[in-house]
Amino acid sequence: MPGSGSGPVNLNRFRKQKARAEQKARADQNAVKFGRTKAEKQLDRAKADKAARDLDGKKRDGKTQE
């Protein structure tokens, strides 16, 4: 009977759907465990930039005196 919903069932679709859900759950757990907020990343980047600027400011001229 058409429209009765008793047609063939694609089990691969359900298997893949379950695998995607498990991967998303694992990704969410890793994000909580290892992830950093945007503010933390910006702070680290700013500290690295300042360290590089400070180091550049203390460099001597490129000419070596022998």
C-alpha atoms as a PDB file:
ATOM      1  CA  MET A   1       0.000   0.000   0.000  1.00  0.00           C
ATOM      2  CA  PRO A   2       1.509   3.328  -0.942  1.00  0.00           C
ATOM      3  CA  GLY A   3       1.947   5.803   1.884  1.00  0.00           C
ATOM      4  CA  SER A   4       1.625   3.198   4.639  1.00  0.00           C
ATOM      5  CA  GLY A   5       5.297   3.670   5.687  1.00  0.00           C
ATOM      6  CA  SER A   6       6.040  -0.034   5.598  1.00  0.00           C
ATOM      7  CA  GLY A   7       8.665   0.240   2.848  1.00  0.00           C
ATOM      8  CA  PRO A   8      12.278  -0.854   3.048  1.00  0.00           C
ATOM      9  CA  VAL A   9      14.347   0.677   5.837  1.00  0.00           C
ATOM     10  CA  ASN A  10      17.865   1.927   5.184  1.00  0.00           C
ATOM     11  CA  LEU A  11      19.845   0.780   8.226  1.00  0.00           C
ATOM     12  CA  ASN A  12      23.020   2.520   7.028  1.00  0.00           C
ATOM     13  CA  ARG A  13      21.319   5.874   7.516  1.00  0.00           C
ATOM     14  CA  PHE A  14      20.537   5.069  11.150  1.00  0.00           C
ATOM     15  CA  ARG A  15      24.025   3.691  11.760  1.00  0.00           C
ATOM     16  CA  LYS A  16      25.648   6.818  10.327  1.00  0.00           C
ATOM     17  CA  GLN A  17      23.245   9.047  12.255  1.00  0.00           C
ATOM     18  CA  LYS A  18      24.230   7.325  15.507  1.00  0.00           C
ATOM     19  CA  ALA A  19      27.945   7.626  14.671  1.00  0.00           C
ATOM     20  CA  ARG A  20      27.548  11.361  13.950  1.00  0.00           C
ATOM     21  CA  ALA A  21      25.771  11.864  17.284  1.00  0.00           C
ATOM     22  CA  GLU A  22      28.556  10.033  19.138  1.00  0.00           C
ATOM     23  CA  GLN A  23      31.251  12.079  17.373  1.00  0.00           C
ATOM     24  CA  LYS A  24      29.454  15.316  18.234  1.00  0.00           C
ATOM     25  CA  ALA A  25      29.203  14.277  21.881  1.00  0.00           C
ATOM     26  CA  ARG A  26      32.928  13.437  21.940  1.00  0.00           C
ATOM     27  CA  ALA A  27      33.758  16.758  20.258  1.00  0.00           C
ATOM     28  CA  ASP A  28      31.700  18.646  22.844  1.00  0.00           C
ATOM     29  CA  GLN A  29      33.516  16.852  25.669  1.00  0.00           C
ATOM     30  CA  ASN A  30      36.904  17.695  24.133  1.00  0.00           C
ATOM     31  CA  ALA A  31      35.890  21.315  23.670  1.00  0.00           C
ATOM     32  CA  VAL A  32      35.130  21.558  27.377  1.00  0.00           C
ATOM     33  CA  LYS A  33      38.273  19.675  28.361  1.00  0.00           C
ATOM     34  CA  PHE A  34      40.825  21.238  25.998  1.00  0.00           C
ATOM     35  CA  GLY A  35      39.151  24.272  24.484  1.00  0.00           C
ATOM     36  CA  ARG A  36      40.021  27.852  25.273  1.00  0.00           C
ATOM     37  CA  THR A  37      37.766  30.832  25.061  1.00  0.00           C
ATOM     38  CA  LYS A  38      38.244  33.517  22.447  1.00  0.00           C
ATOM     39  CA  ALA A  39      39.405  35.937  25.151  1.00  0.00           C
ATOM     40  CA  GLU A  40      42.096  33.493  26.320  1.00  0.00           C
ATOM     41  CA  LYS A  41      43.383  33.065  22.762  1.00  0.00           C
ATOM     42  CA  GLN A  42      43.474  36.840  22.242  1.00  0.00           C
ATOM     43  CA  LEU A  43      45.333  37.350  25.527  1.00  0.00           C
ATOM     44  CA  ASP A  44      47.978  34.770  24.589  1.00  0.00           C
ATOM     45  CA  ARG A  45      48.349  36.333  21.142  1.00  0.00           C
ATOM     46  CA  ALA A  46      48.723  39.807  22.666  1.00  0.00           C
ATOM     47  CA  LYS A  47      51.373  38.557  25.119  1.00  0.00           C
ATOM     48  CA  ALA A  48      53.334  36.918  22.289  1.00  0.00           C
ATOM     49  CA  ASP A  49      53.124  40.086  20.172  1.00  0.00           C
ATOM     50  CA  LYS A  50      54.357  42.218  23.091  1.00  0.00           C
ATOM     51  CA  ALA A  51      57.249  39.830  23.742  1.00  0.00           C
ATOM     52  CA  ALA A  52      58.233  40.003  20.061  1.00  0.00           C
ATOM     53  CA  ARG A  53      58.057  43.831  20.086  1.00  0.00           C
ATOM     54  CA  ASP A  54      60.144  44.007  23.268  1.00  0.00           C
ATOM     55  CA  LEU A  55      62.749  41.712  21.770  1.00  0.00           C
ATOM     56  CA  ASP A  56      62.852  43.716  18.536  1.00  0.00           C
ATOM     57  CA  GLY A  57      63.354  46.902  20.550  1.00  0.00           C
ATOM     58  CA  LYS A  58      66.418  45.454  22.247  1.00  0.00           C
ATOM     59  CA  LYS A  59      68.127  44.252  19.085  1.00  0.00           C
ATOM     60  CA  ARG A  60      71.375  45.835  18.051  1.00  0.00           C
ATOM     61  CA  ASP A  61      72.072  47.161  14.590  1.00  0.00           C
ATOM     62  CA  GLY A  62      72.573  44.564  11.894  1.00  0.00           C
ATOM     63  CA  LYS A  63      76.198  45.625  11.493  1.00  0.00           C
ATOM     64  CA  THR A  64      78.700  43.575  13.418  1.00  0.00           C
ATOM     65  CA  GLN A  65      81.814  45.308  14.680  1.00  0.00           C
ATOM     66  CA  GLU A  66      84.942  43.231  14.476  1.00  0.00           C
END
